[in-house]
Amino acid sequence: MNSANKSRTIASLFQTLGRGGDRDYGGDHVTQLAHALQCARQADETGAAPTLVAAALLHDIGHLINADDRATFQRHEDARHEILGARYLEQWFGPDVTVPVSLHVEAKRYLTAIETEYYDGLSTRSKETLALQGGPFVAADEATFRALPYMSDAVALRRWDDGGKIPGAEVPPLEFYEPHLHVALE
């Protein structure tokens, strides 16, 4: 993808994040955009690759492109935002971005199965969605998940996701991540 097309794609993604980003992030007292920026900041601060920073920034875009997202949750159904978001992002990004996005919910199920204290640290909303998403993995699911490519990236993304729910946290503006997205775009 040439530089001009990358810039247009980034502008479109930023518009999507900005347009829906002022919505409340499911009762966690932060907006969708604030959550995305907090996750990306954590990834960047740990020295993650630009592709993983991009995944952290965009991991919940499936919530923003699904007009029925909130109604689905209210009906006690799982909208599979991680799959919707990954498929949407596949038109521009490779698996270094899309696979961790697609697996970040499975990573929550994995972590709740292997770390007893992990569940206790989840927000109320995250515990509610965990139940809709199938609950903690059983042993066979754990083994299957551990063998997946990008498993470690998905777990890192999940931990940033859990840590990205701090009301009023100071974060760089969205434009700070433009260089990361330029590198991550194929």
N, C-alpha and C. Protein backbone atom coordinates (compact mmCIF):
# COMPACT_ATOMS: atom_id res chain seq x y z
N MET A 1 0.86 -1.17 0.00
CA MET A 1 0.00 0.00 0.00
C MET A 1 0.91 1.23 0.00
N ASN A 2 0.62 2.18 -0.90
CA ASN A 2 1.46 3.37 -0.95
C ASN A 2 1.11 4.34 0.19
N SER A 3 1.95 5.32 0.36
CA SER A 3 1.82 6.24 1.50
C SER A 3 0.50 7.01 1.48
N ALA A 4 0.06 7.43 0.31
CA ALA A 4 -1.21 8.17 0.22
C ALA A 4 -2.39 7.29 0.63
N ASN A 5 -2.37 6.04 0.18
CA ASN A 5 -3.45 5.12 0.56
C ASN A 5 -3.41 4.80 2.06
N LYS A 6 -2.20 4.68 2.60
CA LYS A 6 -2.07 4.47 4.04
C LYS A 6 -2.67 5.64 4.80
N SER A 7 -2.35 6.84 4.35
CA SER A 7 -2.88 8.04 5.03
C SER A 7 -4.40 8.08 4.98
N ARG A 8 -4.97 7.73 3.83
CA ARG A 8 -6.44 7.70 3.70
C ARG A 8 -7.06 6.63 4.61
N THR A 9 -6.43 5.48 4.66
CA THR A 9 -6.92 4.40 5.52
C THR A 9 -6.87 4.81 6.98
N ILE A 10 -5.76 5.40 7.39
CA ILE A 10 -5.62 5.84 8.78
C ILE A 10 -6.66 6.91 9.10
N ALA A 11 -6.87 7.84 8.18
CA ALA A 11 -7.89 8.88 8.41
C ALA A 11 -9.27 8.25 8.58
N SER A 12 -9.57 7.23 7.79
CA SER A 12 -10.86 6.55 7.90
C SER A 12 -10.99 5.82 9.23
N LEU A 13 -9.93 5.13 9.65
CA LEU A 13 -9.96 4.43 10.93
C LEU A 13 -10.09 5.41 12.09
N PHE A 14 -9.36 6.52 12.02
CA PHE A 14 -9.46 7.53 13.06
C PHE A 14 -10.87 8.13 13.10
N GLN A 15 -11.47 8.30 11.93
CA GLN A 15 -12.84 8.81 11.88
C GLN A 15 -13.80 7.83 12.56
N THR A 16 -13.62 6.55 12.31
CA THR A 16 -14.46 5.54 12.96
C THR A 16 -14.27 5.56 14.47
N LEU A 17 -13.02 5.63 14.91
CA LEU A 17 -12.75 5.70 16.34
C LEU A 17 -13.32 6.97 16.95
N GLY A 18 -13.20 8.07 16.24
CA GLY A 18 -13.71 9.34 16.75
C GLY A 18 -15.23 9.41 16.76
N ARG A 19 -15.84 8.87 15.71
CA ARG A 19 -17.29 8.93 15.58
C ARG A 19 -17.99 8.13 16.67
N GLY A 20 -17.54 6.94 16.90
CA GLY A 20 -18.19 6.10 17.92
C GLY A 20 -17.45 6.10 19.24
N GLY A 21 -16.30 6.73 19.24
CA GLY A 21 -15.44 6.66 20.40
C GLY A 21 -15.93 7.41 21.62
N ASP A 22 -16.92 8.29 21.43
CA ASP A 22 -17.43 9.02 22.60
C ASP A 22 -18.47 8.21 23.36
N ARG A 23 -18.82 7.03 22.83
CA ARG A 23 -19.76 6.16 23.54
C ARG A 23 -19.10 5.59 24.79
N ASP A 24 -19.91 5.38 25.79
CA ASP A 24 -19.43 4.78 27.03
C ASP A 24 -18.93 3.37 26.76
N TYR A 25 -17.83 3.03 27.38
CA TYR A 25 -17.27 1.70 27.22
C TYR A 25 -17.93 0.75 28.20
N GLY A 26 -19.16 0.44 27.96
CA GLY A 26 -19.88 -0.60 28.68
C GLY A 26 -19.90 -0.49 30.19
N GLY A 27 -20.07 0.69 30.72
CA GLY A 27 -20.20 0.83 32.16
C GLY A 27 -18.89 0.91 32.92
N ASP A 28 -17.77 0.96 32.21
CA ASP A 28 -16.47 1.04 32.88
C ASP A 28 -16.01 2.48 33.10
N HIS A 29 -16.88 3.44 32.88
CA HIS A 29 -16.63 4.86 33.16
C HIS A 29 -15.53 5.47 32.31
N VAL A 30 -15.29 4.91 31.15
CA VAL A 30 -14.42 5.50 30.14
C VAL A 30 -15.13 5.38 28.80
N THR A 31 -14.74 6.20 27.85
CA THR A 31 -15.32 6.10 26.52
C THR A 31 -14.59 5.02 25.71
N GLN A 32 -15.19 4.63 24.61
CA GLN A 32 -14.54 3.68 23.71
C GLN A 32 -13.18 4.21 23.26
N LEU A 33 -13.14 5.51 22.91
CA LEU A 33 -11.88 6.10 22.44
C LEU A 33 -10.84 6.14 23.56
N ALA A 34 -11.25 6.55 24.75
CA ALA A 34 -10.30 6.58 25.87
C ALA A 34 -9.75 5.19 26.15
N HIS A 35 -10.61 4.19 26.07
CA HIS A 35 -10.17 2.80 26.27
C HIS A 35 -9.14 2.41 25.20
N ALA A 36 -9.44 2.70 23.95
CA ALA A 36 -8.52 2.37 22.85
C ALA A 36 -7.16 3.05 23.06
N LEU A 37 -7.20 4.33 23.42
CA LEU A 37 -5.96 5.08 23.62
C LEU A 37 -5.17 4.56 24.82
N GLN A 38 -5.86 4.17 25.88
CA GLN A 38 -5.16 3.62 27.05
C GLN A 38 -4.49 2.29 26.70
N CYS A 39 -5.18 1.46 25.94
CA CYS A 39 -4.60 0.18 25.55
C CYS A 39 -3.38 0.38 24.66
N ALA A 40 -3.49 1.29 23.69
CA ALA A 40 -2.37 1.57 22.80
C ALA A 40 -1.19 2.15 23.56
N ARG A 41 -1.46 3.02 24.51
CA ARG A 41 -0.38 3.61 25.32
C ARG A 41 0.38 2.52 26.07
N GLN A 42 -0.36 1.60 26.67
CA GLN A 42 0.29 0.50 27.40
C GLN A 42 1.17 -0.33 26.47
N ALA A 43 0.65 -0.64 25.30
CA ALA A 43 1.43 -1.42 24.33
C ALA A 43 2.69 -0.67 23.93
N ASP A 44 2.55 0.60 23.63
CA ASP A 44 3.68 1.42 23.21
C ASP A 44 4.72 1.52 24.32
N GLU A 45 4.26 1.71 25.55
CA GLU A 45 5.18 1.86 26.68
C GLU A 45 5.96 0.59 26.99
N THR A 46 5.43 -0.56 26.60
CA THR A 46 6.16 -1.81 26.82
C THR A 46 7.12 -2.12 25.67
N GLY A 47 7.13 -1.25 24.65
CA GLY A 47 8.01 -1.47 23.51
C GLY A 47 7.47 -2.46 22.51
N ALA A 48 6.17 -2.68 22.51
CA ALA A 48 5.56 -3.61 21.56
C ALA A 48 5.79 -3.14 20.13
N ALA A 49 5.80 -4.09 19.22
CA ALA A 49 5.95 -3.78 17.80
C ALA A 49 4.80 -2.87 17.34
N PRO A 50 5.04 -2.05 16.32
CA PRO A 50 3.97 -1.18 15.82
C PRO A 50 2.69 -1.94 15.46
N THR A 51 2.83 -3.17 14.97
CA THR A 51 1.64 -3.95 14.63
C THR A 51 0.82 -4.28 15.87
N LEU A 52 1.49 -4.55 16.98
CA LEU A 52 0.77 -4.88 18.21
C LEU A 52 0.19 -3.61 18.86
N VAL A 53 0.88 -2.48 18.71
CA VAL A 53 0.32 -1.21 19.16
C VAL A 53 -0.95 -0.91 18.36
N ALA A 54 -0.89 -1.16 17.05
CA ALA A 54 -2.08 -0.97 16.20
C ALA A 54 -3.21 -1.88 16.65
N ALA A 55 -2.89 -3.14 16.95
CA ALA A 55 -3.91 -4.08 17.43
C ALA A 55 -4.53 -3.58 18.73
N ALA A 56 -3.70 -3.06 19.62
CA ALA A 56 -4.21 -2.54 20.90
C ALA A 56 -5.15 -1.36 20.67
N LEU A 57 -4.78 -0.48 19.76
CA LEU A 57 -5.61 0.69 19.46
C LEU A 57 -6.94 0.28 18.83
N LEU A 58 -6.91 -0.72 17.98
CA LEU A 58 -8.08 -1.06 17.15
C LEU A 58 -8.83 -2.31 17.62
N HIS A 59 -8.44 -2.91 18.74
CA HIS A 59 -8.98 -4.22 19.11
C HIS A 59 -10.49 -4.25 19.31
N ASP A 60 -11.10 -3.14 19.67
CA ASP A 60 -12.55 -3.12 19.89
C ASP A 60 -13.32 -2.40 18.79
N ILE A 61 -12.72 -2.25 17.62
CA ILE A 61 -13.39 -1.54 16.54
C ILE A 61 -14.67 -2.28 16.11
N GLY A 62 -14.73 -3.57 16.39
CA GLY A 62 -15.95 -4.33 16.09
C GLY A 62 -17.16 -3.79 16.83
N HIS A 63 -16.95 -3.22 18.02
CA HIS A 63 -18.06 -2.57 18.73
C HIS A 63 -18.55 -1.35 17.97
N LEU A 64 -17.62 -0.63 17.36
CA LEU A 64 -17.96 0.65 16.73
C LEU A 64 -18.58 0.50 15.35
N ILE A 65 -18.28 -0.58 14.66
CA ILE A 65 -18.83 -0.76 13.32
C ILE A 65 -20.12 -1.57 13.33
N ASN A 66 -20.50 -2.09 14.47
CA ASN A 66 -21.72 -2.88 14.60
C ASN A 66 -22.83 -2.01 15.18
N ALA A 67 -23.76 -1.61 14.34
CA ALA A 67 -24.85 -0.73 14.78
C ALA A 67 -25.72 -1.39 15.85
N ASP A 68 -25.71 -2.71 15.92
CA ASP A 68 -26.56 -3.44 16.86
C ASP A 68 -25.80 -3.89 18.11
N ASP A 69 -24.60 -3.38 18.31
CA ASP A 69 -23.73 -3.87 19.39
C ASP A 69 -24.38 -3.78 20.76
N ARG A 70 -24.89 -2.63 21.13
CA ARG A 70 -25.48 -2.46 22.47
C ARG A 70 -26.76 -3.29 22.63
N ALA A 71 -27.58 -3.31 21.61
CA ALA A 71 -28.82 -4.08 21.69
C ALA A 71 -28.53 -5.57 21.85
N THR A 72 -27.47 -6.04 21.19
CA THR A 72 -27.09 -7.44 21.31
C THR A 72 -26.74 -7.78 22.75
N PHE A 73 -25.96 -6.91 23.40
CA PHE A 73 -25.60 -7.14 24.81
C PHE A 73 -26.85 -7.11 25.69
N GLN A 74 -27.74 -6.18 25.42
CA GLN A 74 -28.96 -6.07 26.23
C GLN A 74 -29.85 -7.31 26.07
N ARG A 75 -29.73 -7.99 24.94
CA ARG A 75 -30.46 -9.24 24.73
C ARG A 75 -29.69 -10.43 25.32
N HIS A 76 -28.59 -10.15 26.00
CA HIS A 76 -27.73 -11.17 26.60
C HIS A 76 -27.18 -12.12 25.55
N GLU A 77 -26.71 -11.51 24.45
CA GLU A 77 -26.08 -12.26 23.37
C GLU A 77 -24.68 -11.71 23.17
N ASP A 78 -23.80 -12.53 22.63
CA ASP A 78 -22.44 -12.12 22.31
C ASP A 78 -22.40 -11.67 20.85
N ALA A 79 -22.04 -10.42 20.61
CA ALA A 79 -21.99 -9.88 19.25
C ALA A 79 -20.73 -10.32 18.50
N ARG A 80 -19.81 -11.00 19.20
CA ARG A 80 -18.55 -11.45 18.59
C ARG A 80 -17.78 -10.28 17.97
N HIS A 81 -17.69 -9.19 18.74
CA HIS A 81 -17.03 -7.98 18.25
C HIS A 81 -15.59 -8.24 17.82
N GLU A 82 -14.93 -9.19 18.46
CA GLU A 82 -13.54 -9.48 18.12
C GLU A 82 -13.40 -10.06 16.72
N ILE A 83 -14.36 -10.90 16.33
CA ILE A 83 -14.34 -11.50 14.99
C ILE A 83 -14.76 -10.46 13.96
N LEU A 84 -15.81 -9.73 14.25
CA LEU A 84 -16.27 -8.67 13.35
C LEU A 84 -15.15 -7.65 13.11
N GLY A 85 -14.50 -7.23 14.18
CA GLY A 85 -13.41 -6.25 14.07
C GLY A 85 -12.23 -6.79 13.28
N ALA A 86 -11.83 -8.02 13.56
CA ALA A 86 -10.69 -8.61 12.84
C ALA A 86 -10.98 -8.73 11.36
N ARG A 87 -12.18 -9.16 11.02
CA ARG A 87 -12.54 -9.27 9.60
C ARG A 87 -12.54 -7.91 8.92
N TYR A 88 -13.03 -6.91 9.60
CA TYR A 88 -13.03 -5.55 9.07
C TYR A 88 -11.59 -5.07 8.84
N LEU A 89 -10.72 -5.34 9.78
CA LEU A 89 -9.33 -4.87 9.68
C LEU A 89 -8.52 -5.65 8.65
N GLU A 90 -8.94 -6.87 8.31
CA GLU A 90 -8.20 -7.69 7.34
C GLU A 90 -8.06 -7.04 5.97
N GLN A 91 -8.92 -6.08 5.66
CA GLN A 91 -8.81 -5.43 4.36
C GLN A 91 -7.55 -4.55 4.27
N TRP A 92 -6.95 -4.24 5.40
CA TRP A 92 -5.77 -3.37 5.41
C TRP A 92 -4.56 -3.97 6.12
N PHE A 93 -4.79 -4.81 7.11
CA PHE A 93 -3.71 -5.29 7.97
C PHE A 93 -3.51 -6.79 7.84
N GLY A 94 -2.30 -7.21 8.14
CA GLY A 94 -1.97 -8.62 8.14
C GLY A 94 -2.28 -9.28 9.48
N PRO A 95 -1.89 -10.54 9.60
CA PRO A 95 -2.21 -11.31 10.81
C PRO A 95 -1.54 -10.78 12.09
N ASP A 96 -0.44 -10.04 11.97
CA ASP A 96 0.19 -9.48 13.17
C ASP A 96 -0.75 -8.54 13.91
N VAL A 97 -1.69 -7.94 13.19
CA VAL A 97 -2.70 -7.07 13.79
C VAL A 97 -4.00 -7.83 14.00
N THR A 98 -4.47 -8.51 12.97
CA THR A 98 -5.82 -9.07 13.01
C THR A 98 -5.97 -10.30 13.90
N VAL A 99 -4.94 -11.13 13.99
CA VAL A 99 -5.09 -12.34 14.81
C VAL A 99 -5.16 -11.99 16.30
N PRO A 100 -4.27 -11.15 16.83
CA PRO A 100 -4.46 -10.77 18.24
C PRO A 100 -5.83 -10.12 18.51
N VAL A 101 -6.31 -9.31 17.56
CA VAL A 101 -7.64 -8.72 17.72
C VAL A 101 -8.69 -9.83 17.80
N SER A 102 -8.59 -10.80 16.90
CA SER A 102 -9.59 -11.88 16.87
C SER A 102 -9.53 -12.78 18.09
N LEU A 103 -8.37 -12.82 18.76
CA LEU A 103 -8.19 -13.73 19.90
C LEU A 103 -8.27 -13.05 21.26
N HIS A 104 -8.50 -11.75 21.34
CA HIS A 104 -8.42 -11.11 22.65
C HIS A 104 -9.53 -11.54 23.60
N VAL A 105 -10.66 -11.97 23.09
CA VAL A 105 -11.72 -12.51 23.96
C VAL A 105 -11.34 -13.93 24.41
N GLU A 106 -10.82 -14.72 23.48
CA GLU A 106 -10.37 -16.07 23.85
C GLU A 106 -9.26 -15.99 24.90
N ALA A 107 -8.43 -14.96 24.81
CA ALA A 107 -7.36 -14.78 25.80
C ALA A 107 -7.94 -14.53 27.19
N LYS A 108 -9.05 -13.81 27.26
CA LYS A 108 -9.71 -13.61 28.56
C LYS A 108 -10.21 -14.95 29.11
N ARG A 109 -10.80 -15.75 28.27
CA ARG A 109 -11.28 -17.06 28.69
C ARG A 109 -10.11 -17.94 29.14
N TYR A 110 -9.00 -17.84 28.44
CA TYR A 110 -7.79 -18.59 28.80
C TYR A 110 -7.25 -18.14 30.15
N LEU A 111 -7.09 -16.83 30.32
CA LEU A 111 -6.52 -16.32 31.56
C LEU A 111 -7.40 -16.62 32.77
N THR A 112 -8.71 -16.58 32.60
CA THR A 112 -9.58 -16.90 33.74
C THR A 112 -9.46 -18.38 34.12
N ALA A 113 -9.09 -19.20 33.17
CA ALA A 113 -8.93 -20.63 33.46
C ALA A 113 -7.60 -20.95 34.13
N ILE A 114 -6.55 -20.20 33.81
CA ILE A 114 -5.23 -20.57 34.33
C ILE A 114 -4.77 -19.73 35.53
N GLU A 115 -5.39 -18.57 35.74
CA GLU A 115 -5.00 -17.69 36.85
C GLU A 115 -6.22 -17.37 37.70
N THR A 116 -6.30 -17.95 38.87
CA THR A 116 -7.50 -17.75 39.70
C THR A 116 -7.68 -16.28 40.07
N GLU A 117 -6.61 -15.55 40.28
CA GLU A 117 -6.73 -14.14 40.65
C GLU A 117 -7.12 -13.25 39.46
N TYR A 118 -6.95 -13.74 38.25
CA TYR A 118 -7.27 -12.94 37.07
C TYR A 118 -8.76 -12.56 37.06
N TYR A 119 -9.62 -13.51 37.30
CA TYR A 119 -11.06 -13.25 37.30
C TYR A 119 -11.42 -12.15 38.30
N ASP A 120 -10.83 -12.20 39.48
CA ASP A 120 -11.14 -11.21 40.52
C ASP A 120 -10.78 -9.79 40.09
N GLY A 121 -9.81 -9.65 39.21
CA GLY A 121 -9.39 -8.33 38.74
C GLY A 121 -10.20 -7.78 37.59
N LEU A 122 -11.10 -8.58 37.03
CA LEU A 122 -11.91 -8.11 35.91
C LEU A 122 -12.96 -7.11 36.38
N SER A 123 -13.30 -6.18 35.50
CA SER A 123 -14.38 -5.24 35.80
C SER A 123 -15.71 -6.01 35.80
N THR A 124 -16.71 -5.41 36.38
CA THR A 124 -18.04 -6.03 36.42
C THR A 124 -18.52 -6.33 35.01
N ARG A 125 -18.37 -5.38 34.11
CA ARG A 125 -18.80 -5.57 32.72
C ARG A 125 -18.03 -6.72 32.06
N SER A 126 -16.74 -6.80 32.32
CA SER A 126 -15.94 -7.85 31.72
C SER A 126 -16.35 -9.23 32.25
N LYS A 127 -16.73 -9.29 33.50
CA LYS A 127 -17.23 -10.56 34.06
C LYS A 127 -18.56 -10.94 33.40
N GLU A 128 -19.41 -9.95 33.16
CA GLU A 128 -20.69 -10.22 32.50
C GLU A 128 -20.48 -10.72 31.08
N THR A 129 -19.58 -10.07 30.35
CA THR A 129 -19.35 -10.50 28.97
C THR A 129 -18.64 -11.85 28.93
N LEU A 130 -17.80 -12.14 29.91
CA LEU A 130 -17.15 -13.45 29.96
C LEU A 130 -18.19 -14.56 29.96
N ALA A 131 -19.25 -14.39 30.72
CA ALA A 131 -20.31 -15.40 30.76
C ALA A 131 -20.95 -15.56 29.38
N LEU A 132 -21.19 -14.44 28.69
CA LEU A 132 -21.78 -14.50 27.35
C LEU A 132 -20.83 -15.13 26.34
N GLN A 133 -19.54 -14.98 26.59
CA GLN A 133 -18.52 -15.45 25.65
C GLN A 133 -18.11 -16.90 25.88
N GLY A 134 -18.75 -17.57 26.82
CA GLY A 134 -18.49 -18.98 27.03
C GLY A 134 -17.81 -19.33 28.34
N GLY A 135 -17.44 -18.32 29.12
CA GLY A 135 -16.81 -18.58 30.41
C GLY A 135 -15.38 -19.04 30.28
N PRO A 136 -14.76 -19.38 31.41
CA PRO A 136 -13.37 -19.84 31.38
C PRO A 136 -13.22 -21.11 30.53
N PHE A 137 -12.05 -21.24 29.93
CA PHE A 137 -11.74 -22.44 29.16
C PHE A 137 -11.71 -23.67 30.05
N VAL A 138 -12.01 -24.81 29.45
CA VAL A 138 -11.73 -26.11 30.07
C VAL A 138 -10.32 -26.51 29.62
N ALA A 139 -9.77 -27.55 30.22
CA ALA A 139 -8.37 -27.94 29.96
C ALA A 139 -8.06 -28.13 28.48
N ALA A 140 -8.94 -28.78 27.74
CA ALA A 140 -8.68 -29.02 26.32
C ALA A 140 -8.60 -27.70 25.54
N ASP A 141 -9.46 -26.74 25.90
CA ASP A 141 -9.43 -25.44 25.24
C ASP A 141 -8.14 -24.69 25.56
N GLU A 142 -7.67 -24.82 26.80
CA GLU A 142 -6.41 -24.17 27.20
C GLU A 142 -5.27 -24.66 26.31
N ALA A 143 -5.17 -25.95 26.14
CA ALA A 143 -4.09 -26.53 25.34
C ALA A 143 -4.18 -26.08 23.89
N THR A 144 -5.36 -26.06 23.35
CA THR A 144 -5.56 -25.61 21.97
C THR A 144 -5.15 -24.16 21.82
N PHE A 145 -5.55 -23.33 22.76
CA PHE A 145 -5.23 -21.90 22.70
C PHE A 145 -3.72 -21.69 22.81
N ARG A 146 -3.07 -22.39 23.72
CA ARG A 146 -1.61 -22.24 23.90
C ARG A 146 -0.84 -22.55 22.62
N ALA A 147 -1.38 -23.41 21.77
CA ALA A 147 -0.69 -23.81 20.54
C ALA A 147 -0.92 -22.84 19.38
N LEU A 148 -1.79 -21.87 19.54
CA LEU A 148 -2.11 -20.96 18.44
C LEU A 148 -0.99 -19.97 18.16
N PRO A 149 -0.76 -19.69 16.86
CA PRO A 149 0.14 -18.59 16.54
C PRO A 149 -0.45 -17.29 17.11
N TYR A 150 0.38 -16.41 17.56
CA TYR A 150 -0.03 -15.12 18.12
C TYR A 150 -0.69 -15.23 19.49
N MET A 151 -0.62 -16.40 20.11
CA MET A 151 -1.21 -16.57 21.44
C MET A 151 -0.62 -15.57 22.42
N SER A 152 0.70 -15.42 22.43
CA SER A 152 1.35 -14.50 23.37
C SER A 152 0.93 -13.06 23.12
N ASP A 153 0.81 -12.69 21.86
CA ASP A 153 0.35 -11.33 21.53
C ASP A 153 -1.08 -11.11 21.99
N ALA A 154 -1.92 -12.13 21.82
CA ALA A 154 -3.32 -12.01 22.25
C ALA A 154 -3.41 -11.86 23.76
N VAL A 155 -2.58 -12.57 24.50
CA VAL A 155 -2.59 -12.46 25.96
C VAL A 155 -2.10 -11.08 26.38
N ALA A 156 -1.05 -10.58 25.73
CA ALA A 156 -0.57 -9.23 26.04
C ALA A 156 -1.67 -8.21 25.76
N LEU A 157 -2.31 -8.34 24.60
CA LEU A 157 -3.40 -7.43 24.25
C LEU A 157 -4.52 -7.51 25.28
N ARG A 158 -4.84 -8.70 25.73
CA ARG A 158 -5.89 -8.86 26.74
C ARG A 158 -5.55 -8.13 28.03
N ARG A 159 -4.31 -8.24 28.44
CA ARG A 159 -3.91 -7.56 29.67
C ARG A 159 -3.97 -6.04 29.51
N TRP A 160 -3.60 -5.53 28.35
CA TRP A 160 -3.73 -4.08 28.10
C TRP A 160 -5.20 -3.70 28.07
N ASP A 161 -6.02 -4.56 27.49
CA ASP A 161 -7.46 -4.32 27.45
C ASP A 161 -8.01 -4.18 28.87
N ASP A 162 -7.63 -5.08 29.74
CA ASP A 162 -8.09 -5.02 31.13
C ASP A 162 -7.57 -3.79 31.86
N GLY A 163 -6.38 -3.34 31.51
CA GLY A 163 -5.79 -2.18 32.16
C GLY A 163 -6.19 -0.85 31.55
N GLY A 164 -6.97 -0.89 30.50
CA GLY A 164 -7.34 0.33 29.77
C GLY A 164 -8.71 0.87 30.13
N LYS A 165 -9.02 0.86 31.40
CA LYS A 165 -10.36 1.28 31.84
C LYS A 165 -10.28 2.25 33.01
N ILE A 166 -9.32 3.16 32.96
CA ILE A 166 -9.08 4.08 34.06
C ILE A 166 -9.68 5.44 33.71
N PRO A 167 -10.73 5.85 34.42
CA PRO A 167 -11.34 7.16 34.13
C PRO A 167 -10.32 8.29 34.30
N GLY A 168 -10.27 9.17 33.32
CA GLY A 168 -9.41 10.35 33.39
C GLY A 168 -7.94 10.11 33.16
N ALA A 169 -7.55 8.91 32.76
CA ALA A 169 -6.13 8.64 32.52
C ALA A 169 -5.60 9.52 31.39
N GLU A 170 -4.40 10.03 31.57
CA GLU A 170 -3.78 10.85 30.53
C GLU A 170 -3.18 9.95 29.47
N VAL A 171 -3.52 10.25 28.23
CA VAL A 171 -3.04 9.46 27.10
C VAL A 171 -2.66 10.39 25.96
N PRO A 172 -1.76 9.95 25.09
CA PRO A 172 -1.47 10.74 23.90
C PRO A 172 -2.72 10.81 23.01
N PRO A 173 -2.79 11.82 22.15
CA PRO A 173 -3.93 11.91 21.24
C PRO A 173 -3.88 10.80 20.19
N LEU A 174 -4.98 10.59 19.55
CA LEU A 174 -5.09 9.56 18.52
C LEU A 174 -3.99 9.69 17.47
N GLU A 175 -3.69 10.91 17.06
CA GLU A 175 -2.70 11.16 16.01
C GLU A 175 -1.30 10.66 16.38
N PHE A 176 -1.04 10.51 17.66
CA PHE A 176 0.26 9.98 18.11
C PHE A 176 0.52 8.60 17.50
N TYR A 177 -0.54 7.85 17.23
CA TYR A 177 -0.40 6.48 16.76
C TYR A 177 -0.39 6.35 15.24
N GLU A 178 -0.44 7.48 14.54
CA GLU A 178 -0.40 7.43 13.08
C GLU A 178 0.86 6.73 12.56
N PRO A 179 2.05 7.04 13.09
CA PRO A 179 3.24 6.32 12.60
C PRO A 179 3.18 4.81 12.85
N HIS A 180 2.61 4.40 13.96
CA HIS A 180 2.47 2.97 14.23
C HIS A 180 1.59 2.31 13.17
N LEU A 181 0.49 2.98 12.83
CA LEU A 181 -0.42 2.42 11.84
C LEU A 181 0.22 2.41 10.45
N HIS A 182 1.00 3.45 10.12
CA HIS A 182 1.71 3.47 8.83
C HIS A 182 2.59 2.24 8.69
N VAL A 183 3.31 1.90 9.74
CA VAL A 183 4.19 0.73 9.71
C VAL A 183 3.37 -0.56 9.63
N ALA A 184 2.26 -0.60 10.36
CA ALA A 184 1.46 -1.83 10.44
C ALA A 184 0.66 -2.13 9.18
N LEU A 185 0.32 -1.10 8.43
CA LEU A 185 -0.47 -1.31 7.21
C LEU A 185 0.35 -2.06 6.17
N GLU A 186 -0.30 -2.97 5.48
CA GLU A 186 0.40 -3.76 4.45
C GLU A 186 0.45 -3.01 3.13
